[in-house]
Amino acid sequence: MIDKIIENLAESVSVIEDGAVVLISGFGESGNPTELVHALIDHGARDLTLVNNNAGNGHVGLAALLESGQVRKMICSFPRSSHSEVFDTMYVGGRIELEVVPQGTLAERIRAAGAGIGGFYTRTTIGTPLADGKERRIYNGEEYVLEDPLYADVALVKANLADRWGNLTYRLAARNFGPIMCTAAKTTIVQARQIVDLGEIPPEQVVTPGIYVDRVVEVANPGSEREMIENDVHYPAGGAE
């Protein structure tokens, strides 16, 4: 019997190894798998490369993972945002590497990995340092840059509903990078607001088929990163003020 349900957060992330490339869903606060990220901090895997739309905010979730010293490199589109003091401090201090990727290119690199596409050409970075050292070609008189697929060892994704086969739905904008990240990782770990019985998700409403999901853990009441930031919460408790 196929059953991908994991009983607790600690067990769900226990397969993540040192040196892993980890995709983390989310756009601002929407769709962040905060509880999975906190479990990864507790798990202790190090020398990680993280891929996300931004570089975390406040001292919780992704920012807390950076602050823990477990991350070697950040790949993202927006390394600076309204409350990104952790990344700013680490980068200026030379304690973390950064690869900036335009948002659309980031999404397409992840999608290409999941679709088995070898690479694609885009004009997005032409004329900027982000195109340096990359293969270029001319199409219809215009210059294009070759971008590689972005494969990962693990994806951490937040969903709304899941069943024991791993079929997923998402809530509104929380869908963002989740579906493509599920396809691009060797192991996909999902926190879902509710795990339902097989058949409760109508087939036409399944966004991510279970074939792309390996582990599902229920987090019925996920925390709000916005509220945690407003209340100056640090994870783990007692972190640097």
Foldseek 3Di string as FASTA:
>chain_A
DQFQEDADLLVLCLPDAAQWEEEAEDDVQFWGPQSNQLSVLVSPHAQYEYEYQEQDFFAGRNLVSVVSLRYAEYEHAHDDDDGNVSSVVCVVVVSHYYDHDHPVRSLVLLLCLLVVHAWDWDPVQPPHPNQPPFDWDADPNDITTIDGRDATAEYETEFAEAERLGFTHHDPCSCPSRQSNLRRHPAYEYEYLYYDYPPPQPPVRGPHGSVSHRHYYYDNDDDGVVVCNVVSQHPPGPPDD
